[in-house]
Amino acid sequence: MLPILIVDEDQPSLETLQNCIKFLGYSVVSANTFTEALRVLETLYVDLVIVDLSGCNRMKGSPFAADILRIQPKARIIFLTGDPMGCVPSHACLVKPYLLSDLHQAIETH
């Protein structure tokens, strides 16, 4: 299985999410910024990109999703947000707070 890329500007949140995903049995790579994530995607194939949109708005998420799919058209994307209105149309979204089981289900089904 290809790794999951996590994108989160908040280092403690990134590390927590990384540990949760490893606990679920997945391989993980991470990036602290959208720019760093795009560099990772140019050199490493991933199965899924999980992006925390905290502090960002929907307009930033949609172009970022387009950039992800331009580089890796088969990548799946899950957005994490604290605001239900912050979900990006046509992509999976988990609203915080969520359970580990919700994250696992999203990874398996999206």
Protein backbone atom coordinates (compact mmCIF):
# COMPACT_ATOMS: atom_id res chain seq x y z
CA MET A 1 0.00 0.00 0.00
CA LEU A 2 1.18 3.50 -0.82
CA PRO A 3 1.73 5.95 2.03
CA ILE A 4 -0.69 8.59 3.26
CA LEU A 5 0.47 12.21 3.10
CA ILE A 6 -0.65 14.43 5.98
CA VAL A 7 -0.57 18.21 5.56
CA ASP A 8 -0.92 20.35 8.69
CA GLU A 9 0.76 23.62 9.63
CA ASP A 10 0.37 22.93 13.37
CA GLN A 11 3.24 20.61 14.37
CA PRO A 12 1.58 19.10 17.50
CA SER A 13 -1.60 18.35 15.51
CA LEU A 14 0.47 16.89 12.68
CA GLU A 15 2.32 14.58 15.06
CA THR A 16 -0.91 13.46 16.74
CA LEU A 17 -2.56 12.67 13.42
CA GLN A 18 0.59 10.93 12.20
CA ASN A 19 0.63 8.72 15.32
CA CYS A 20 -3.07 7.89 14.93
CA ILE A 21 -2.64 6.86 11.31
CA LYS A 22 0.43 4.75 12.14
CA PHE A 23 -1.57 3.13 14.97
CA LEU A 24 -4.19 2.17 12.36
CA GLY A 25 -1.44 0.39 10.42
CA TYR A 26 -0.75 2.82 7.58
CA SER A 27 2.54 4.25 6.32
CA VAL A 28 2.71 8.04 6.71
CA VAL A 29 4.67 10.97 5.31
CA SER A 30 4.03 14.54 6.37
CA ALA A 31 4.34 18.15 5.29
CA ASN A 32 3.89 21.37 7.25
CA THR A 33 2.81 23.55 4.31
CA PHE A 34 0.93 23.25 1.04
CA THR A 35 4.15 24.06 -0.83
CA GLU A 36 6.07 21.33 0.98
CA ALA A 37 3.24 18.88 0.29
CA LEU A 38 3.37 19.60 -3.44
CA ARG A 39 7.13 18.92 -3.43
CA VAL A 40 6.50 15.59 -1.70
CA LEU A 41 3.83 14.71 -4.26
CA GLU A 42 6.25 15.41 -7.12
CA THR A 43 8.69 12.79 -5.81
CA LEU A 44 6.57 10.19 -4.01
CA TYR A 45 3.38 8.42 -5.04
CA VAL A 46 0.75 8.42 -2.30
CA ASP A 47 -2.63 6.75 -1.97
CA LEU A 48 -4.27 9.50 0.06
CA VAL A 49 -3.68 13.10 1.11
CA ILE A 50 -5.19 14.28 4.39
CA VAL A 51 -5.22 18.08 4.68
CA ASP A 52 -6.06 20.01 7.83
CA LEU A 53 -7.74 23.23 6.74
CA SER A 54 -7.60 24.89 10.17
CA GLY A 55 -6.83 28.54 9.66
CA CYS A 56 -7.53 28.21 5.94
CA ASN A 57 -10.74 28.86 4.06
CA ARG A 58 -12.52 26.81 1.40
CA MET A 59 -11.01 28.88 -1.37
CA LYS A 60 -7.54 27.70 -0.36
CA GLY A 61 -8.66 24.08 -0.11
CA SER A 62 -10.18 23.88 -3.59
CA PRO A 63 -7.11 25.14 -5.48
CA PHE A 64 -4.89 22.91 -3.35
CA ALA A 65 -7.05 19.90 -4.24
CA ALA A 66 -6.68 20.81 -7.92
CA ASP A 67 -2.88 21.03 -7.50
CA ILE A 68 -2.80 17.62 -5.79
CA LEU A 69 -4.81 16.03 -8.60
CA ARG A 70 -2.73 17.74 -11.28
CA ILE A 71 0.38 16.05 -9.88
CA GLN A 72 -1.23 12.76 -8.84
CA PRO A 73 -4.60 12.30 -10.59
CA LYS A 74 -5.41 9.07 -8.70
CA ALA A 75 -4.76 10.46 -5.22
CA ARG A 76 -7.69 10.52 -2.84
CA ILE A 77 -8.17 13.59 -0.63
CA ILE A 78 -9.71 14.02 2.82
CA PHE A 79 -10.01 17.49 4.31
CA LEU A 80 -10.14 18.05 8.07
CA THR A 81 -11.84 21.17 9.41
CA GLY A 82 -13.29 22.58 12.59
CA ASP A 83 -16.01 24.34 10.60
CA PRO A 84 -18.64 22.27 8.75
CA MET A 85 -18.92 25.13 6.25
CA GLY A 86 -15.19 24.71 5.58
CA CYS A 87 -15.60 21.44 3.72
CA VAL A 88 -14.42 21.43 0.13
CA PRO A 89 -17.12 20.31 -2.34
CA SER A 90 -16.53 16.99 -4.09
CA HIS A 91 -13.95 15.79 -1.54
CA ALA A 92 -14.28 13.82 1.67
CA CYS A 93 -14.36 15.91 4.82
CA LEU A 94 -14.09 15.15 8.53
CA VAL A 95 -15.32 17.80 10.94
CA LYS A 96 -13.41 18.16 14.20
CA PRO A 97 -13.65 16.76 16.70
CA TYR A 98 -13.81 13.29 15.20
CA LEU A 99 -13.20 9.81 16.57
CA LEU A 100 -10.34 7.55 15.56
CA SER A 101 -12.98 5.20 14.13
CA ASP A 102 -14.30 8.06 11.94
CA LEU A 103 -10.79 8.69 10.62
CA HIS A 104 -10.30 4.99 9.94
CA GLN A 105 -13.60 4.74 8.10
CA ALA A 106 -12.79 7.82 6.00
CA ILE A 107 -9.40 6.38 5.05
CA GLU A 108 -10.96 3.06 4.07
CA THR A 109 -13.93 4.42 2.13
CA HIS A 110 -12.77 7.64 0.44
